Amino acid sequence: MNGKNPICSSELGTLWLTYQEKTLILRILEYFMEKADDQQALNIMGGLWQELNHFVIKIEDIFEQEGVVIPNGFTKEDVNLEAPKLYDNGFDIMFLRILKEISMGMYTLNMNMAYREDVMSIYQGLTTTTQKVYKLATHYLLNNGILTLPPKVTMPKSTEFIKSKNYLNGFRFFGENRALNDIEIGNLHHGIEINHIGMQLITGFAQCAKNKEVRQYFVKGKELAKKQIKTFEEILLESNVQFSASAGSTVTDSTIPPFSEKLMMFCIYLLNGFGLVGSSFGSIFSLRNDISMKTALIGKDIYVYANEGIKIMIKNGWMEEPPQMENRT
């Protein structure tokens, strides 16, 4: 396990995808830092930019050592620092926190497919950075009243075991469904929180997109986010669970794009992947069959929407091709 072993297919693939994601985040951070009017937020984003840029350079070094062409990723051409502020009221840190949620899951998978010491050290370092920034972002948002906590519940006084398969029932024609358990409440609240931010993000993207097909795609994504929020809120309300959406975070009236359409489309591509994982998690760990069914159907909608986005990116020459095996045929 040393840096001299040839890089294997899984490591090359994960490093390539990590390079795409990190260069995208660097461009987003550069725009948000340019428009930041809060010093604490600027410090969080600036610290993250420095650390991510360090790891991007390390990935480029590995590619050069292995004779691998450095991907295009996302460059200065994909961000317009002169564009007016598109988001306000803490959206920069709110979205940064979502990006760190995505990163934490990706690094776990990437580490599982790494064998070389230098590759594993990259994912170990990125994991440490991500967890640190996620905590800083969460504290910042809570202290500024931008992020709301999940619903409070009564504390259990004893341990219990499920005594009947009726616990799984969610579709009932007569009577009420059983009360939600805390795992289900947590998943539903998280789904609402993520989709509120996603809806604001994609509203801004739709507002400034110049390509008609891309703009329509973003509008469709906004409606999909609204549909998910409505579904999750209805389940909570039916169970008499109070909830509150994230405060603050608004979209301005600017129509000047701060990012290239290639970057905006790839950003939604990443969020779609995150949404698919989230819906799968909700389906598996929700023990009420009505919730499992609804989250599974949402997963189907996200998959169809994501596939449409991939076709648009390919059509416009925005989808960089990952490394692949030789065509032996």
C-alpha atoms as a PDB file:
ATOM      1  CA  MET A   1       0.000   0.000   0.000  1.00  0.00           C
ATOM      2  CA  ASN A   2       2.281   2.746  -1.175  1.00  0.00           C
ATOM      3  CA  GLY A   3       2.066   5.668  -3.552  1.00  0.00           C
ATOM      4  CA  LYS A   4       4.130   3.806  -6.185  1.00  0.00           C
ATOM      5  CA  ASN A   5       1.445   1.208  -6.922  1.00  0.00           C
ATOM      6  CA  PRO A   6      -0.394   1.964 -10.178  1.00  0.00           C
ATOM      7  CA  ILE A   7      -3.658   3.748  -9.592  1.00  0.00           C
ATOM      8  CA  CYS A   8      -6.609   1.371 -10.014  1.00  0.00           C
ATOM      9  CA  SER A   9      -9.917   1.953 -11.812  1.00  0.00           C
ATOM     10  CA  SER A  10     -11.988   2.689  -8.713  1.00  0.00           C
ATOM     11  CA  GLU A  11      -9.450   5.215  -7.419  1.00  0.00           C
ATOM     12  CA  LEU A  12      -9.214   6.947 -10.785  1.00  0.00           C
ATOM     13  CA  GLY A  13     -12.996   7.106 -11.035  1.00  0.00           C
ATOM     14  CA  THR A  14     -13.554   8.511  -7.544  1.00  0.00           C
ATOM     15  CA  LEU A  15     -10.711  11.022  -7.850  1.00  0.00           C
ATOM     16  CA  TRP A  16     -12.137  12.202 -11.178  1.00  0.00           C
ATOM     17  CA  LEU A  17     -15.590  12.723  -9.647  1.00  0.00           C
ATOM     18  CA  THR A  18     -14.094  14.379  -6.567  1.00  0.00           C
ATOM     19  CA  TYR A  19     -12.199  16.773  -8.849  1.00  0.00           C
ATOM     20  CA  GLN A  20     -15.439  17.722 -10.601  1.00  0.00           C
ATOM     21  CA  GLU A  21     -17.241  18.319  -7.316  1.00  0.00           C
ATOM     22  CA  LYS A  22     -14.424  20.241  -5.637  1.00  0.00           C
ATOM     23  CA  THR A  23     -13.748  22.570  -8.567  1.00  0.00           C
ATOM     24  CA  LEU A  24     -17.497  23.273  -8.697  1.00  0.00           C
ATOM     25  CA  ILE A  25     -17.590  24.136  -4.984  1.00  0.00           C
ATOM     26  CA  LEU A  26     -14.504  26.368  -5.341  1.00  0.00           C
ATOM     27  CA  ARG A  27     -16.262  28.408  -8.034  1.00  0.00           C
ATOM     28  CA  ILE A  28     -19.435  28.703  -5.939  1.00  0.00           C
ATOM     29  CA  LEU A  29     -17.394  29.760  -2.910  1.00  0.00           C
ATOM     30  CA  GLU A  30     -15.563  32.413  -4.920  1.00  0.00           C
ATOM     31  CA  TYR A  31     -18.862  34.026  -5.896  1.00  0.00           C
ATOM     32  CA  PHE A  32     -20.361  33.800  -2.406  1.00  0.00           C
ATOM     33  CA  MET A  33     -17.202  35.228  -0.827  1.00  0.00           C
ATOM     34  CA  GLU A  34     -17.235  38.124  -3.293  1.00  0.00           C
ATOM     35  CA  LYS A  35     -20.802  38.976  -2.234  1.00  0.00           C
ATOM     36  CA  ALA A  36     -20.511  38.189   1.489  1.00  0.00           C
ATOM     37  CA  ASP A  37     -21.341  41.008   3.904  1.00  0.00           C
ATOM     38  CA  ASP A  38     -20.841  39.006   7.109  1.00  0.00           C
ATOM     39  CA  GLN A  39     -17.277  38.504   8.344  1.00  0.00           C
ATOM     40  CA  GLN A  40     -17.979  35.232  10.150  1.00  0.00           C
ATOM     41  CA  ALA A  41     -19.567  33.735   7.036  1.00  0.00           C
ATOM     42  CA  LEU A  42     -16.637  34.997   4.972  1.00  0.00           C
ATOM     43  CA  ASN A  43     -14.178  33.327   7.367  1.00  0.00           C
ATOM     44  CA  ILE A  44     -15.991  29.975   7.125  1.00  0.00           C
ATOM     45  CA  MET A  45     -16.057  30.070   3.327  1.00  0.00           C
ATOM     46  CA  GLY A  46     -12.501  31.367   3.011  1.00  0.00           C
ATOM     47  CA  GLY A  47     -11.119  28.627   5.242  1.00  0.00           C
ATOM     48  CA  LEU A  48     -12.956  25.973   3.258  1.00  0.00           C
ATOM     49  CA  TRP A  49     -11.736  27.408  -0.062  1.00  0.00           C
ATOM     50  CA  GLN A  50      -8.096  27.170   1.045  1.00  0.00           C
ATOM     51  CA  GLU A  51      -8.420  23.577   2.236  1.00  0.00           C
ATOM     52  CA  LEU A  52     -10.344  22.371  -0.818  1.00  0.00           C
ATOM     53  CA  ASN A  53      -7.910  24.072  -3.174  1.00  0.00           C
ATOM     54  CA  HIS A  54      -5.086  22.211  -1.399  1.00  0.00           C
ATOM     55  CA  PHE A  55      -6.761  18.855  -2.086  1.00  0.00           C
ATOM     56  CA  VAL A  56      -7.536  19.776  -5.695  1.00  0.00           C
ATOM     57  CA  ILE A  57      -3.806  20.395  -6.212  1.00  0.00           C
ATOM     58  CA  LYS A  58      -2.999  17.015  -4.612  1.00  0.00           C
ATOM     59  CA  ILE A  59      -5.392  15.260  -6.999  1.00  0.00           C
ATOM     60  CA  GLU A  60      -3.788  17.069  -9.941  1.00  0.00           C
ATOM     61  CA  ASP A  61      -0.350  15.908  -8.715  1.00  0.00           C
ATOM     62  CA  ILE A  62      -1.505  12.277  -8.661  1.00  0.00           C
ATOM     63  CA  PHE A  63      -2.973  12.601 -12.153  1.00  0.00           C
ATOM     64  CA  GLU A  64       0.284  14.069 -13.468  1.00  0.00           C
ATOM     65  CA  GLN A  65       2.389  11.352 -11.791  1.00  0.00           C
ATOM     66  CA  GLU A  66       0.182   8.658 -13.342  1.00  0.00           C
ATOM     67  CA  GLY A  67       0.102  10.233 -16.789  1.00  0.00           C
ATOM     68  CA  VAL A  68      -3.628  10.982 -16.487  1.00  0.00           C
ATOM     69  CA  VAL A  69      -4.984  14.035 -18.302  1.00  0.00           C
ATOM     70  CA  ILE A  70      -6.287  16.573 -15.797  1.00  0.00           C
ATOM     71  CA  PRO A  71     -10.074  16.956 -16.180  1.00  0.00           C
ATOM     72  CA  ASN A  72     -11.557  20.281 -17.209  1.00  0.00           C
ATOM     73  CA  GLY A  73     -13.795  20.413 -14.151  1.00  0.00           C
ATOM     74  CA  PHE A  74     -14.972  23.960 -13.461  1.00  0.00           C
ATOM     75  CA  THR A  75     -12.758  26.969 -14.046  1.00  0.00           C
ATOM     76  CA  LYS A  76     -12.831  30.760 -13.682  1.00  0.00           C
ATOM     77  CA  GLU A  77     -14.858  30.833 -16.901  1.00  0.00           C
ATOM     78  CA  ASP A  78     -17.752  29.193 -15.062  1.00  0.00           C
ATOM     79  CA  VAL A  79     -18.223  31.987 -12.509  1.00  0.00           C
ATOM     80  CA  ASN A  80     -19.041  35.673 -12.950  1.00  0.00           C
ATOM     81  CA  LEU A  81     -17.846  37.543  -9.867  1.00  0.00           C
ATOM     82  CA  GLU A  82     -19.312  40.781 -11.243  1.00  0.00           C
ATOM     83  CA  ALA A  83     -22.877  39.428 -11.201  1.00  0.00           C
ATOM     84  CA  PRO A  84     -25.116  41.000  -8.549  1.00  0.00           C
ATOM     85  CA  LYS A  85     -26.067  39.057  -5.443  1.00  0.00           C
ATOM     86  CA  LEU A  86     -28.533  36.310  -6.391  1.00  0.00           C
ATOM     87  CA  TYR A  87     -29.145  34.984  -2.852  1.00  0.00           C
ATOM     88  CA  ASP A  88     -29.374  36.740   0.485  1.00  0.00           C
ATOM     89  CA  ASN A  89     -29.949  36.301   4.230  1.00  0.00           C
ATOM     90  CA  GLY A  90     -27.544  33.488   4.999  1.00  0.00           C
ATOM     91  CA  PHE A  91     -28.227  31.365   1.930  1.00  0.00           C
ATOM     92  CA  ASP A  92     -24.490  31.041   1.261  1.00  0.00           C
ATOM     93  CA  ILE A  93     -23.824  29.151   4.505  1.00  0.00           C
ATOM     94  CA  MET A  94     -27.129  27.274   4.299  1.00  0.00           C
ATOM     95  CA  PHE A  95     -26.205  25.917   0.877  1.00  0.00           C
ATOM     96  CA  LEU A  96     -22.624  25.292   1.981  1.00  0.00           C
ATOM     97  CA  ARG A  97     -23.984  23.093   4.774  1.00  0.00           C
ATOM     98  CA  ILE A  98     -25.972  21.054   2.222  1.00  0.00           C
ATOM     99  CA  LEU A  99     -22.869  20.624   0.067  1.00  0.00           C
ATOM    100  CA  LYS A 100     -20.992  19.311   3.097  1.00  0.00           C
ATOM    101  CA  GLU A 101     -23.767  16.776   3.725  1.00  0.00           C
ATOM    102  CA  ILE A 102     -23.290  15.488   0.188  1.00  0.00           C
ATOM    103  CA  SER A 103     -19.516  15.414   0.611  1.00  0.00           C
ATOM    104  CA  MET A 104     -19.623  13.383   3.838  1.00  0.00           C
ATOM    105  CA  GLY A 105     -21.514  10.584   2.128  1.00  0.00           C
ATOM    106  CA  MET A 106     -19.313  10.636  -0.966  1.00  0.00           C
ATOM    107  CA  TYR A 107     -16.054  10.442   1.003  1.00  0.00           C
ATOM    108  CA  THR A 108     -17.254   7.353   2.846  1.00  0.00           C
ATOM    109  CA  LEU A 109     -17.955   5.585  -0.443  1.00  0.00           C
ATOM    110  CA  ASN A 110     -14.714   6.846  -1.984  1.00  0.00           C
ATOM    111  CA  MET A 111     -12.628   5.654   0.967  1.00  0.00           C
ATOM    112  CA  ASN A 112     -14.195   2.208   0.596  1.00  0.00           C
ATOM    113  CA  MET A 113     -12.834   2.062  -2.955  1.00  0.00           C
ATOM    114  CA  ALA A 114      -9.339   3.378  -2.185  1.00  0.00           C
ATOM    115  CA  TYR A 115      -6.228   1.169  -1.779  1.00  0.00           C
ATOM    116  CA  ARG A 116      -3.262   3.500  -2.178  1.00  0.00           C
ATOM    117  CA  GLU A 117      -1.989   5.398   0.840  1.00  0.00           C
ATOM    118  CA  ASP A 118      -1.945   8.782  -0.913  1.00  0.00           C
ATOM    119  CA  VAL A 119      -5.506   8.364  -2.189  1.00  0.00           C
ATOM    120  CA  MET A 120      -6.806   7.309   1.216  1.00  0.00           C
ATOM    121  CA  SER A 121      -5.072  10.277   2.846  1.00  0.00           C
ATOM    122  CA  ILE A 122      -6.935  12.631   0.485  1.00  0.00           C
ATOM    123  CA  TYR A 123     -10.326  11.264   1.538  1.00  0.00           C
ATOM    124  CA  GLN A 124      -9.313  11.180   5.178  1.00  0.00           C
ATOM    125  CA  GLY A 125      -8.267  14.832   4.993  1.00  0.00           C
ATOM    126  CA  LEU A 126     -11.397  15.840   3.078  1.00  0.00           C
ATOM    127  CA  THR A 127     -13.581  14.060   5.650  1.00  0.00           C
ATOM    128  CA  THR A 128     -11.924  15.964   8.509  1.00  0.00           C
ATOM    129  CA  THR A 129     -12.356  19.276   6.677  1.00  0.00           C
ATOM    130  CA  THR A 130     -15.984  18.550   5.820  1.00  0.00           C
ATOM    131  CA  GLN A 131     -16.973  17.588   9.355  1.00  0.00           C
ATOM    132  CA  LYS A 132     -15.280  20.686  10.759  1.00  0.00           C
ATOM    133  CA  VAL A 133     -16.965  23.055   8.288  1.00  0.00           C
ATOM    134  CA  TYR A 134     -20.344  21.335   8.711  1.00  0.00           C
ATOM    135  CA  LYS A 135     -20.193  22.029  12.462  1.00  0.00           C
ATOM    136  CA  LEU A 136     -19.136  25.645  11.908  1.00  0.00           C
ATOM    137  CA  ALA A 137     -21.947  26.178   9.389  1.00  0.00           C
ATOM    138  CA  THR A 138     -24.558  24.583  11.647  1.00  0.00           C
ATOM    139  CA  HIS A 139     -23.557  26.705  14.657  1.00  0.00           C
ATOM    140  CA  TYR A 140     -23.522  29.848  12.499  1.00  0.00           C
ATOM    141  CA  LEU A 141     -27.018  29.183  11.123  1.00  0.00           C
ATOM    142  CA  LEU A 142     -28.498  28.342  14.522  1.00  0.00           C
ATOM    143  CA  ASN A 143     -26.927  31.361  16.201  1.00  0.00           C
ATOM    144  CA  ASN A 144     -28.300  33.636  13.482  1.00  0.00           C
ATOM    145  CA  GLY A 145     -31.797  32.132  13.586  1.00  0.00           C
ATOM    146  CA  ILE A 146     -31.600  30.866  10.007  1.00  0.00           C
ATOM    147  CA  LEU A 147     -31.758  27.134  10.733  1.00  0.00           C
ATOM    148  CA  THR A 148     -34.615  25.563  12.678  1.00  0.00           C
ATOM    149  CA  LEU A 149     -34.387  22.424  14.800  1.00  0.00           C
ATOM    150  CA  PRO A 150     -36.494  19.309  14.181  1.00  0.00           C
ATOM    151  CA  PRO A 151     -39.660  18.899  16.298  1.00  0.00           C
ATOM    152  CA  LYS A 152     -39.176  18.172  19.985  1.00  0.00           C
ATOM    153  CA  VAL A 153     -40.547  14.901  21.345  1.00  0.00           C
ATOM    154  CA  THR A 154     -41.165  13.301  24.719  1.00  0.00           C
ATOM    155  CA  MET A 155     -38.289  11.263  26.113  1.00  0.00           C
ATOM    156  CA  PRO A 156     -38.775   7.468  26.337  1.00  0.00           C
ATOM    157  CA  LYS A 157     -38.954   6.122  29.893  1.00  0.00           C
ATOM    158  CA  SER A 158     -38.610   2.428  29.054  1.00  0.00           C
ATOM    159  CA  THR A 159     -37.578   0.103  26.235  1.00  0.00           C
ATOM    160  CA  GLU A 160     -40.264  -1.597  24.155  1.00  0.00           C
ATOM    161  CA  PHE A 161     -40.383  -4.172  21.364  1.00  0.00           C
ATOM    162  CA  ILE A 162     -42.781  -4.092  18.424  1.00  0.00           C
ATOM    163  CA  LYS A 163     -45.550  -6.555  19.270  1.00  0.00           C
ATOM    164  CA  SER A 164     -47.514  -6.697  16.021  1.00  0.00           C
ATOM    165  CA  LYS A 165     -46.964  -6.398  12.302  1.00  0.00           C
ATOM    166  CA  ASN A 166     -49.718  -3.763  12.415  1.00  0.00           C
ATOM    167  CA  TYR A 167     -46.884  -1.411  13.378  1.00  0.00           C
ATOM    168  CA  LEU A 168     -46.047  -1.327   9.675  1.00  0.00           C
ATOM    169  CA  ASN A 169     -49.520  -0.243   8.616  1.00  0.00           C
ATOM    170  CA  GLY A 170     -49.856   3.199   7.177  1.00  0.00           C
ATOM    171  CA  PHE A 171     -52.690   2.759   4.698  1.00  0.00           C
ATOM    172  CA  ARG A 172     -55.901   2.595   6.699  1.00  0.00           C
ATOM    173  CA  PHE A 173     -59.473   3.205   5.634  1.00  0.00           C
ATOM    174  CA  PHE A 174     -60.744   3.346   9.200  1.00  0.00           C
ATOM    175  CA  GLY A 175     -59.023   4.708  12.263  1.00  0.00           C
ATOM    176  CA  GLU A 176     -55.791   6.621  12.579  1.00  0.00           C
ATOM    177  CA  ASN A 177     -52.280   5.637  11.562  1.00  0.00           C
ATOM    178  CA  ARG A 178     -49.882   4.918  14.376  1.00  0.00           C
ATOM    179  CA  ALA A 179     -47.830   7.807  15.695  1.00  0.00           C
ATOM    180  CA  LEU A 180     -44.602   8.569  13.868  1.00  0.00           C
ATOM    181  CA  ASN A 181     -41.428   7.301  15.469  1.00  0.00           C
ATOM    182  CA  ASP A 182     -38.449   9.606  15.934  1.00  0.00           C
ATOM    183  CA  ILE A 183     -36.499   8.129  13.002  1.00  0.00           C
ATOM    184  CA  GLU A 184     -39.400   8.873  10.668  1.00  0.00           C
ATOM    185  CA  ILE A 185     -39.842  12.399  12.044  1.00  0.00           C
ATOM    186  CA  GLY A 186     -36.137  13.065  11.568  1.00  0.00           C
ATOM    187  CA  ASN A 187     -36.201  11.852   7.951  1.00  0.00           C
ATOM    188  CA  LEU A 188     -39.299  13.917   7.141  1.00  0.00           C
ATOM    189  CA  HIS A 189     -37.893  17.081   8.715  1.00  0.00           C
ATOM    190  CA  HIS A 190     -34.601  16.620   6.877  1.00  0.00           C
ATOM    191  CA  GLY A 191     -36.471  16.143   3.595  1.00  0.00           C
ATOM    192  CA  ILE A 192     -38.366  19.400   4.126  1.00  0.00           C
ATOM    193  CA  GLU A 193     -35.191  21.269   5.078  1.00  0.00           C
ATOM    194  CA  ILE A 194     -33.217  20.029   2.059  1.00  0.00           C
ATOM    195  CA  ASN A 195     -35.999  20.761  -0.389  1.00  0.00           C
ATOM    196  CA  HIS A 196     -36.561  24.293   0.936  1.00  0.00           C
ATOM    197  CA  ILE A 197     -32.916  25.089   0.177  1.00  0.00           C
ATOM    198  CA  GLY A 198     -33.050  23.234  -3.139  1.00  0.00           C
ATOM    199  CA  MET A 199     -36.174  25.155  -4.144  1.00  0.00           C
ATOM    200  CA  GLN A 200     -34.480  28.490  -3.420  1.00  0.00           C
ATOM    201  CA  LEU A 201     -31.319  27.458  -5.252  1.00  0.00           C
ATOM    202  CA  ILE A 202     -33.120  26.312  -8.370  1.00  0.00           C
ATOM    203  CA  THR A 203     -35.436  29.340  -8.328  1.00  0.00           C
ATOM    204  CA  GLY A 204     -32.352  31.541  -8.597  1.00  0.00           C
ATOM    205  CA  PHE A 205     -30.944  29.335 -11.358  1.00  0.00           C
ATOM    206  CA  ALA A 206     -34.211  29.503 -13.335  1.00  0.00           C
ATOM    207  CA  GLN A 207     -34.358  33.255 -12.848  1.00  0.00           C
ATOM    208  CA  CYS A 208     -31.013  33.873 -14.559  1.00  0.00           C
ATOM    209  CA  ALA A 209     -30.716  30.960 -17.023  1.00  0.00           C
ATOM    210  CA  LYS A 210     -30.602  32.161 -20.643  1.00  0.00           C
ATOM    211  CA  ASN A 211     -31.099  28.799 -22.367  1.00  0.00           C
ATOM    212  CA  LYS A 212     -34.869  28.208 -22.611  1.00  0.00           C
ATOM    213  CA  GLU A 213     -34.636  24.417 -22.214  1.00  0.00           C
ATOM    214  CA  VAL A 214     -32.382  24.795 -19.167  1.00  0.00           C
ATOM    215  CA  ARG A 215     -34.705  27.394 -17.642  1.00  0.00           C
ATOM    216  CA  GLN A 216     -37.713  25.118 -18.122  1.00  0.00           C
ATOM    217  CA  TYR A 217     -35.756  22.257 -16.562  1.00  0.00           C
ATOM    218  CA  PHE A 218     -35.024  24.360 -13.477  1.00  0.00           C
ATOM    219  CA  VAL A 219     -38.687  25.380 -13.202  1.00  0.00           C
ATOM    220  CA  LYS A 220     -39.646  21.707 -13.316  1.00  0.00           C
ATOM    221  CA  GLY A 221     -37.128  21.036 -10.543  1.00  0.00           C
ATOM    222  CA  LYS A 222     -38.695  23.773  -8.421  1.00  0.00           C
ATOM    223  CA  GLU A 223     -42.106  22.129  -8.780  1.00  0.00           C
ATOM    224  CA  LEU A 224     -40.603  18.744  -7.844  1.00  0.00           C
ATOM    225  CA  ALA A 225     -39.123  20.251  -4.674  1.00  0.00           C
ATOM    226  CA  LYS A 226     -42.498  21.817  -3.795  1.00  0.00           C
ATOM    227  CA  LYS A 227     -44.194  18.446  -4.313  1.00  0.00           C
ATOM    228  CA  GLN A 228     -41.776  16.756  -1.912  1.00  0.00           C
ATOM    229  CA  ILE A 229     -42.201  19.474   0.724  1.00  0.00           C
ATOM    230  CA  LYS A 230     -45.998  19.163   0.501  1.00  0.00           C
ATOM    231  CA  THR A 231     -45.859  15.373   0.804  1.00  0.00           C
ATOM    232  CA  PHE A 232     -43.621  15.434   3.892  1.00  0.00           C
ATOM    233  CA  GLU A 233     -45.548  18.277   5.549  1.00  0.00           C
ATOM    234  CA  GLU A 234     -48.871  16.462   5.080  1.00  0.00           C
ATOM    235  CA  ILE A 235     -47.529  13.328   6.792  1.00  0.00           C
ATOM    236  CA  LEU A 236     -46.342  15.397   9.758  1.00  0.00           C
ATOM    237  CA  LEU A 237     -49.595  17.344  10.020  1.00  0.00           C
ATOM    238  CA  GLU A 238     -51.691  14.173   9.860  1.00  0.00           C
ATOM    239  CA  SER A 239     -49.708  12.955  12.878  1.00  0.00           C
ATOM    240  CA  ASN A 240     -50.182  16.295  14.694  1.00  0.00           C
ATOM    241  CA  VAL A 241     -46.451  17.018  14.570  1.00  0.00           C
ATOM    242  CA  GLN A 242     -45.607  20.702  14.510  1.00  0.00           C
ATOM    243  CA  PHE A 243     -42.855  21.765  12.166  1.00  0.00           C
ATOM    244  CA  SER A 244     -41.287  24.981  10.997  1.00  0.00           C
ATOM    245  CA  ALA A 245     -39.460  25.733   7.778  1.00  0.00           C
ATOM    246  CA  SER A 246     -36.004  27.279   7.626  1.00  0.00           C
ATOM    247  CA  ALA A 247     -36.092  30.987   8.339  1.00  0.00           C
ATOM    248  CA  GLY A 248     -34.393  33.610   6.193  1.00  0.00           C
ATOM    249  CA  SER A 249     -32.521  32.746   2.991  1.00  0.00           C
ATOM    250  CA  THR A 250     -34.100  34.587   0.086  1.00  0.00           C
ATOM    251  CA  VAL A 251     -33.658  34.897  -3.678  1.00  0.00           C
ATOM    252  CA  THR A 252     -33.070  38.430  -4.983  1.00  0.00           C
ATOM    253  CA  ASP A 253     -34.572  39.813  -8.201  1.00  0.00           C
ATOM    254  CA  SER A 254     -31.291  39.634 -10.163  1.00  0.00           C
ATOM    255  CA  THR A 255     -31.442  38.002 -13.599  1.00  0.00           C
ATOM    256  CA  ILE A 256     -27.700  38.151 -14.302  1.00  0.00           C
ATOM    257  CA  PRO A 257     -26.198  34.632 -14.031  1.00  0.00           C
ATOM    258  CA  PRO A 258     -23.310  34.285 -11.567  1.00  0.00           C
ATOM    259  CA  PHE A 259     -22.525  30.806 -12.899  1.00  0.00           C
ATOM    260  CA  SER A 260     -22.344  29.125 -16.283  1.00  0.00           C
ATOM    261  CA  GLU A 261     -25.294  26.942 -17.254  1.00  0.00           C
ATOM    262  CA  LYS A 262     -22.871  24.018 -17.338  1.00  0.00           C
ATOM    263  CA  LEU A 263     -22.044  24.607 -13.651  1.00  0.00           C
ATOM    264  CA  MET A 264     -25.678  25.115 -12.629  1.00  0.00           C
ATOM    265  CA  MET A 265     -26.784  21.932 -14.393  1.00  0.00           C
ATOM    266  CA  PHE A 266     -23.979  19.867 -12.831  1.00  0.00           C
ATOM    267  CA  CYS A 267     -24.838  21.297  -9.413  1.00  0.00           C
ATOM    268  CA  ILE A 268     -28.428  20.076  -9.789  1.00  0.00           C
ATOM    269  CA  TYR A 269     -27.042  16.739 -11.038  1.00  0.00           C
ATOM    270  CA  LEU A 270     -25.170  16.351  -7.733  1.00  0.00           C
ATOM    271  CA  LEU A 271     -28.220  17.321  -5.704  1.00  0.00           C
ATOM    272  CA  ASN A 272     -30.341  14.804  -7.623  1.00  0.00           C
ATOM    273  CA  GLY A 273     -27.909  12.059  -6.624  1.00  0.00           C
ATOM    274  CA  PHE A 274     -28.126  13.207  -3.015  1.00  0.00           C
ATOM    275  CA  GLY A 275     -31.931  13.217  -3.281  1.00  0.00           C
ATOM    276  CA  LEU A 276     -31.980   9.640  -4.584  1.00  0.00           C
ATOM    277  CA  VAL A 277     -29.864   8.466  -1.657  1.00  0.00           C
ATOM    278  CA  GLY A 278     -32.097  10.362   0.767  1.00  0.00           C
ATOM    279  CA  SER A 279     -35.302   8.875  -0.629  1.00  0.00           C
ATOM    280  CA  SER A 280     -33.775   5.376  -0.477  1.00  0.00           C
ATOM    281  CA  PHE A 281     -32.778   5.941   3.156  1.00  0.00           C
ATOM    282  CA  GLY A 282     -36.289   7.174   3.968  1.00  0.00           C
ATOM    283  CA  SER A 283     -37.912   4.192   2.262  1.00  0.00           C
ATOM    284  CA  ILE A 284     -35.772   1.612   4.049  1.00  0.00           C
ATOM    285  CA  PHE A 285     -35.775   3.034   7.574  1.00  0.00           C
ATOM    286  CA  SER A 286     -39.384   4.224   7.726  1.00  0.00           C
ATOM    287  CA  LEU A 287     -41.416   1.409   9.290  1.00  0.00           C
ATOM    288  CA  ARG A 288     -44.784   2.805   8.230  1.00  0.00           C
ATOM    289  CA  ASN A 289     -45.570   1.415   4.786  1.00  0.00           C
ATOM    290  CA  ASP A 290     -47.350   4.589   3.600  1.00  0.00           C
ATOM    291  CA  ILE A 291     -44.208   6.649   4.220  1.00  0.00           C
ATOM    292  CA  SER A 292     -42.000   4.039   2.544  1.00  0.00           C
ATOM    293  CA  MET A 293     -44.269   4.016  -0.496  1.00  0.00           C
ATOM    294  CA  LYS A 294     -44.407   7.805  -0.801  1.00  0.00           C
ATOM    295  CA  THR A 295     -40.626   8.231  -0.459  1.00  0.00           C
ATOM    296  CA  ALA A 296     -40.071   5.446  -3.011  1.00  0.00           C
ATOM    297  CA  LEU A 297     -42.345   7.246  -5.499  1.00  0.00           C
ATOM    298  CA  ILE A 298     -40.429  10.471  -4.846  1.00  0.00           C
ATOM    299  CA  GLY A 299     -37.225   8.566  -5.620  1.00  0.00           C
ATOM    300  CA  LYS A 300     -38.723   7.540  -8.964  1.00  0.00           C
ATOM    301  CA  ASP A 301     -39.587  11.162  -9.767  1.00  0.00           C
ATOM    302  CA  ILE A 302     -36.053  12.290  -8.892  1.00  0.00           C
ATOM    303  CA  TYR A 303     -34.546   9.569 -11.095  1.00  0.00           C
ATOM    304  CA  VAL A 304     -36.666  10.592 -14.102  1.00  0.00           C
ATOM    305  CA  TYR A 305     -35.835  14.267 -13.515  1.00  0.00           C
ATOM    306  CA  ALA A 306     -32.099  13.551 -13.128  1.00  0.00           C
ATOM    307  CA  ASN A 307     -32.051  11.523 -16.345  1.00  0.00           C
ATOM    308  CA  GLU A 308     -33.649  14.418 -18.216  1.00  0.00           C
ATOM    309  CA  GLY A 309     -30.937  16.732 -16.901  1.00  0.00           C
ATOM    310  CA  ILE A 310     -28.155  14.406 -18.032  1.00  0.00           C
ATOM    311  CA  LYS A 311     -29.599  14.400 -21.568  1.00  0.00           C
ATOM    312  CA  ILE A 312     -29.649  18.222 -21.599  1.00  0.00           C
ATOM    313  CA  MET A 313     -26.007  18.358 -20.480  1.00  0.00           C
ATOM    314  CA  ILE A 314     -24.933  15.859 -23.142  1.00  0.00           C
ATOM    315  CA  LYS A 315     -26.892  17.723 -25.799  1.00  0.00           C
ATOM    316  CA  ASN A 316     -25.095  20.985 -24.953  1.00  0.00           C
ATOM    317  CA  GLY A 317     -21.628  19.447 -24.559  1.00  0.00           C
ATOM    318  CA  TRP A 318     -21.502  20.112 -20.796  1.00  0.00           C
ATOM    319  CA  MET A 319     -21.098  16.516 -19.569  1.00  0.00           C
ATOM    320  CA  GLU A 320     -17.419  15.674 -19.287  1.00  0.00           C
ATOM    321  CA  GLU A 321     -16.777  11.974 -19.939  1.00  0.00           C
ATOM    322  CA  PRO A 322     -15.367   9.990 -16.989  1.00  0.00           C
ATOM    323  CA  PRO A 323     -12.287   7.778 -17.502  1.00  0.00           C
ATOM    324  CA  GLN A 324     -13.225   4.379 -18.900  1.00  0.00           C
ATOM    325  CA  MET A 325     -11.855   1.013 -19.943  1.00  0.00           C
ATOM    326  CA  GLU A 326     -10.633   0.356 -23.467  1.00  0.00           C
ATOM    327  CA  ASN A 327     -13.184  -0.867 -25.978  1.00  0.00           C
ATOM    328  CA  ARG A 328     -11.726  -4.349 -26.544  1.00  0.00           C
ATOM    329  CA  THR A 329     -14.448  -5.208 -29.048  1.00  0.00           C
END
